[in-house]
N, C-alpha and C. Protein backbone atom coordinates (compact mmCIF):
# COMPACT_ATOMS: atom_id res chain seq x y z
N MET A 1 13.87 -11.70 6.52
CA MET A 1 12.93 -11.23 7.32
C MET A 1 11.46 -12.65 6.94
N PRO A 2 11.20 -13.56 7.85
CA PRO A 2 10.49 -14.52 7.67
C PRO A 2 8.97 -13.68 6.57
N GLY A 3 8.55 -14.11 5.72
CA GLY A 3 7.13 -13.47 5.52
C GLY A 3 7.27 -12.63 4.65
N MET A 4 8.74 -11.36 4.70
CA MET A 4 8.68 -10.43 4.05
C MET A 4 9.43 -10.67 2.40
N GLU A 5 9.77 -12.01 2.18
CA GLU A 5 10.12 -11.95 0.99
C GLU A 5 9.57 -11.37 0.08
N SER A 6 7.95 -12.15 0.03
CA SER A 6 7.01 -11.52 -0.88
C SER A 6 7.04 -10.51 -1.21
N ALA A 7 7.35 -9.57 -0.37
CA ALA A 7 7.50 -7.88 0.07
C ALA A 7 8.01 -7.84 -0.92
N GLN A 8 9.27 -8.01 -1.22
CA GLN A 8 10.53 -7.17 -1.32
C GLN A 8 10.32 -7.95 -3.15
N ASN A 9 9.20 -8.70 -3.39
CA ASN A 9 9.28 -9.08 -4.66
C ASN A 9 8.20 -8.46 -5.55
N GLY A 10 7.66 -7.24 -5.00
CA GLY A 10 6.69 -6.77 -4.85
C GLY A 10 4.81 -7.36 -4.69
N GLU A 11 5.14 -8.37 -4.88
CA GLU A 11 3.98 -9.05 -3.33
C GLU A 11 3.60 -8.47 -2.28
N ARG A 12 2.03 -9.01 -1.78
CA ARG A 12 1.87 -8.80 -0.52
C ARG A 12 2.43 -10.13 0.27
N PRO A 13 3.04 -9.33 1.59
CA PRO A 13 3.42 -10.51 2.55
C PRO A 13 2.44 -10.93 3.06
N ASP A 14 3.04 -11.98 3.67
CA ASP A 14 1.95 -13.54 3.99
C ASP A 14 1.34 -13.00 5.34
N PRO A 15 -0.26 -12.72 5.70
CA PRO A 15 -0.77 -12.08 6.60
C PRO A 15 -0.63 -13.07 7.86
N ALA A 16 -0.60 -13.68 7.11
CA ALA A 16 -0.68 -15.20 8.37
C ALA A 16 1.41 -14.55 9.49
N SER A 17 2.09 -14.91 8.46
CA SER A 17 3.31 -14.20 9.14
C SER A 17 3.32 -13.09 9.53
N LEU A 18 2.90 -12.32 9.11
CA LEU A 18 2.97 -10.65 9.79
C LEU A 18 1.87 -10.64 10.95
N GLY A 19 1.11 -11.50 11.83
CA GLY A 19 0.19 -11.95 12.89
C GLY A 19 1.32 -12.86 13.38
N ALA A 20 1.88 -13.82 13.10
CA ALA A 20 2.79 -13.99 13.86
C ALA A 20 3.68 -13.26 14.35
N ARG A 21 4.41 -12.81 13.18
CA ARG A 21 5.72 -11.85 13.71
C ARG A 21 5.14 -10.93 14.97
N LEU A 22 4.08 -9.91 14.47
CA LEU A 22 3.25 -9.15 15.77
C LEU A 22 2.97 -9.34 16.74
N GLN A 23 2.25 -10.64 17.21
CA GLN A 23 2.31 -11.43 18.53
C GLN A 23 3.35 -12.18 18.87
N PHE A 24 4.39 -12.21 18.15
CA PHE A 24 6.02 -12.50 18.83
C PHE A 24 6.26 -11.51 19.32
N ALA A 25 6.57 -10.04 18.93
CA ALA A 25 6.77 -8.56 19.72
C ALA A 25 6.14 -8.31 20.62
N LEU A 26 5.03 -8.62 20.67
CA LEU A 26 4.01 -8.08 21.55
C LEU A 26 4.06 -9.06 23.39
N ASP A 27 4.68 -10.60 22.54
CA ASP A 27 4.78 -11.20 23.82
C ASP A 27 6.30 -10.41 24.19
N LEU A 28 6.99 -10.32 23.39
CA LEU A 28 8.73 -10.00 24.69
C LEU A 28 8.09 -8.37 25.09
N VAL A 29 7.08 -7.78 24.41
CA VAL A 29 7.06 -6.52 25.36
C VAL A 29 6.16 -7.43 26.94
N GLU A 30 5.53 -7.61 27.17
CA GLU A 30 4.77 -8.73 27.48
C GLU A 30 6.07 -9.01 28.63
N THR A 31 6.84 -10.23 28.08
CA THR A 31 8.11 -10.23 28.89
C THR A 31 8.75 -9.45 29.61
N GLY A 32 8.59 -8.21 29.12
CA GLY A 32 9.79 -7.22 29.45
C GLY A 32 9.05 -6.28 30.78
N VAL A 33 7.59 -6.33 30.67
CA VAL A 33 7.11 -5.32 31.74
C VAL A 33 7.50 -6.41 33.06
N THR A 34 6.93 -7.39 32.74
CA THR A 34 6.12 -8.76 33.97
C THR A 34 8.44 -8.38 34.43
N MET A 35 8.88 -8.91 33.55
CA MET A 35 10.32 -8.73 34.13
C MET A 35 10.71 -7.34 35.28
N MET A 36 10.57 -6.58 34.97
CA MET A 36 10.36 -4.83 35.22
C MET A 36 9.69 -5.34 36.31
N ARG A 37 8.55 -5.24 36.55
CA ARG A 37 7.33 -5.51 38.04
C ARG A 37 8.67 -6.92 38.68
N GLN A 38 8.89 -7.66 38.61
CA GLN A 38 10.07 -8.60 39.01
C GLN A 38 11.05 -7.68 39.87
N ASN A 39 11.40 -6.94 38.78
CA ASN A 39 12.84 -5.97 39.86
C ASN A 39 12.15 -4.70 40.42
N LEU A 40 11.20 -4.33 40.62
CA LEU A 40 10.43 -3.18 41.19
C LEU A 40 10.49 -3.67 42.71
N ARG A 41 9.55 -4.78 42.37
CA ARG A 41 9.51 -6.14 43.88
C ARG A 41 10.93 -6.15 44.42
N ARG A 42 11.76 -6.35 43.97
CA ARG A 42 13.14 -7.16 44.20
C ARG A 42 13.91 -5.77 45.05
N GLU A 43 13.63 -4.18 44.47
CA GLU A 43 13.97 -3.54 44.58
C GLU A 43 13.50 -2.48 45.97
N ASN A 44 12.17 -3.17 46.01
CA ASN A 44 11.50 -2.57 46.45
C ASN A 44 10.11 -3.33 48.04
N PRO A 45 11.31 -4.55 48.41
CA PRO A 45 10.59 -5.76 49.31
C PRO A 45 9.39 -5.12 49.66
N HIS A 46 9.28 -4.20 50.38
CA HIS A 46 8.14 -4.03 51.32
C HIS A 46 6.90 -2.45 51.33
N ALA A 47 7.38 -2.32 49.49
CA ALA A 47 6.58 -1.40 48.43
C ALA A 47 4.25 -2.73 48.52
N THR A 48 4.22 -1.72 48.52
CA THR A 48 2.64 -2.30 48.54
C THR A 48 2.49 -3.33 46.78
N GLU A 49 1.30 -3.61 46.39
CA GLU A 49 0.84 -3.76 44.99
C GLU A 49 0.15 -2.63 44.09
N ALA A 50 0.13 -1.72 45.08
CA ALA A 50 -0.21 -0.54 44.23
C ALA A 50 0.69 0.63 43.78
N GLU A 51 2.15 0.30 44.57
CA GLU A 51 3.50 1.51 45.05
C GLU A 51 4.30 0.72 44.13
N ILE A 52 4.43 -0.57 43.62
CA ILE A 52 5.05 -1.10 42.23
C ILE A 52 4.29 -0.86 41.32
N GLN A 53 3.05 -0.72 40.95
CA GLN A 53 2.32 -0.52 39.79
C GLN A 53 2.33 0.84 39.36
N ALA A 54 2.66 1.59 40.94
CA ALA A 54 2.65 3.39 40.29
C ALA A 54 4.03 3.31 39.61
N LEU A 55 5.01 2.87 40.41
CA LEU A 55 6.80 2.56 39.63
C LEU A 55 6.49 2.25 38.49
N LEU A 56 5.75 1.28 38.02
CA LEU A 56 6.17 -0.19 37.18
C LEU A 56 5.46 1.40 35.68
N ASN A 57 4.28 2.17 36.04
CA ASN A 57 3.66 2.78 35.20
C ASN A 57 4.76 3.97 35.18
N ALA A 58 5.69 4.44 35.86
CA ALA A 58 6.40 5.83 36.01
C ALA A 58 7.49 5.17 35.08
N TRP A 59 8.04 4.02 35.31
CA TRP A 59 8.88 3.20 33.94
C TRP A 59 8.48 3.08 32.37
N LEU A 60 7.48 3.24 32.22
CA LEU A 60 6.40 2.77 30.84
C LEU A 60 6.73 4.19 30.47
N ALA A 61 6.34 4.92 31.09
CA ALA A 61 6.17 6.45 30.60
C ALA A 61 7.03 6.93 30.50
N GLU A 62 8.00 6.74 30.96
CA GLU A 62 9.82 7.79 31.19
C GLU A 62 10.42 6.82 29.72
N SER A 63 10.02 5.61 29.25
CA SER A 63 10.75 4.66 28.82
C SER A 63 11.19 5.09 27.37
N PRO A 64 12.29 5.84 26.77
CA PRO A 64 12.47 6.04 25.63
C PRO A 64 13.02 4.75 24.57
N LEU A 65 12.40 5.54 23.86
CA LEU A 65 12.89 4.14 22.31
C LEU A 65 13.90 4.19 21.52
N PRO A 66 14.89 3.09 21.47
CA PRO A 66 16.01 3.49 21.40
C PRO A 66 15.99 3.80 20.31
N PRO A 67 16.93 4.78 19.48
CA PRO A 67 16.90 5.43 17.71
C PRO A 67 17.16 4.05 17.28
N ASP A 68 16.44 4.41 16.43
CA ASP A 68 16.14 3.46 14.78
C ASP A 68 17.72 4.09 13.93
N PRO A 69 18.63 3.51 13.39
CA PRO A 69 19.89 3.72 13.09
C PRO A 69 19.59 3.83 11.50
N ASN A 70 17.87 2.79 11.05
CA ASN A 70 17.41 2.75 9.63
C ASN A 70 16.36 3.86 9.08
N LEU A 71 15.68 5.05 10.25
CA LEU A 71 15.47 5.73 10.47
C LEU A 71 15.62 6.47 10.05
N THR A 72 15.09 8.08 9.15
CA THR A 72 16.12 9.46 8.26
C THR A 72 14.65 9.97 9.33
N VAL A 73 15.29 11.42 10.06
CA VAL A 73 14.13 12.65 10.03
C VAL A 73 14.01 13.28 9.13
N ARG A 74 13.26 14.20 8.33
CA ARG A 74 12.61 15.51 7.78
C ARG A 74 12.33 15.94 8.38
N GLU A 75 12.74 17.47 8.16
CA GLU A 75 12.37 18.40 9.03
C GLU A 75 10.33 18.53 7.78
N SER A 76 9.61 18.80 8.75
CA SER A 76 8.33 18.94 8.38
C SER A 76 8.12 20.23 7.92
N THR A 77 7.51 20.01 6.15
CA THR A 77 7.10 21.66 6.06
C THR A 77 5.69 22.29 5.71
N GLY A 78 4.89 21.31 7.14
CA GLY A 78 3.43 21.48 6.57
C GLY A 78 2.56 21.53 6.54
N PHE A 79 1.94 21.39 6.36
CA PHE A 79 0.34 21.47 5.85
C PHE A 79 0.30 22.55 4.49
N PRO A 80 0.25 22.07 3.19
CA PRO A 80 -0.23 23.21 2.46
C PRO A 80 -1.09 23.80 2.72
């Protein structure tokens, strides 16, 4: 992954590269929300902007994140 080569060598990753990757991820989220808003308008052509916003908010609140196969979950042992 670009910008992470130095981290694999025990060095700190390039902050500019990390910032660019974060900006790219945020842009993707914004694009996804814009696309969903368009879908909701197409599916609900007579809905007001407030109704579309409510539908979008509900979609954002219920959209689960896909499971990450690289993550492992371990049982919490609580705090000592």
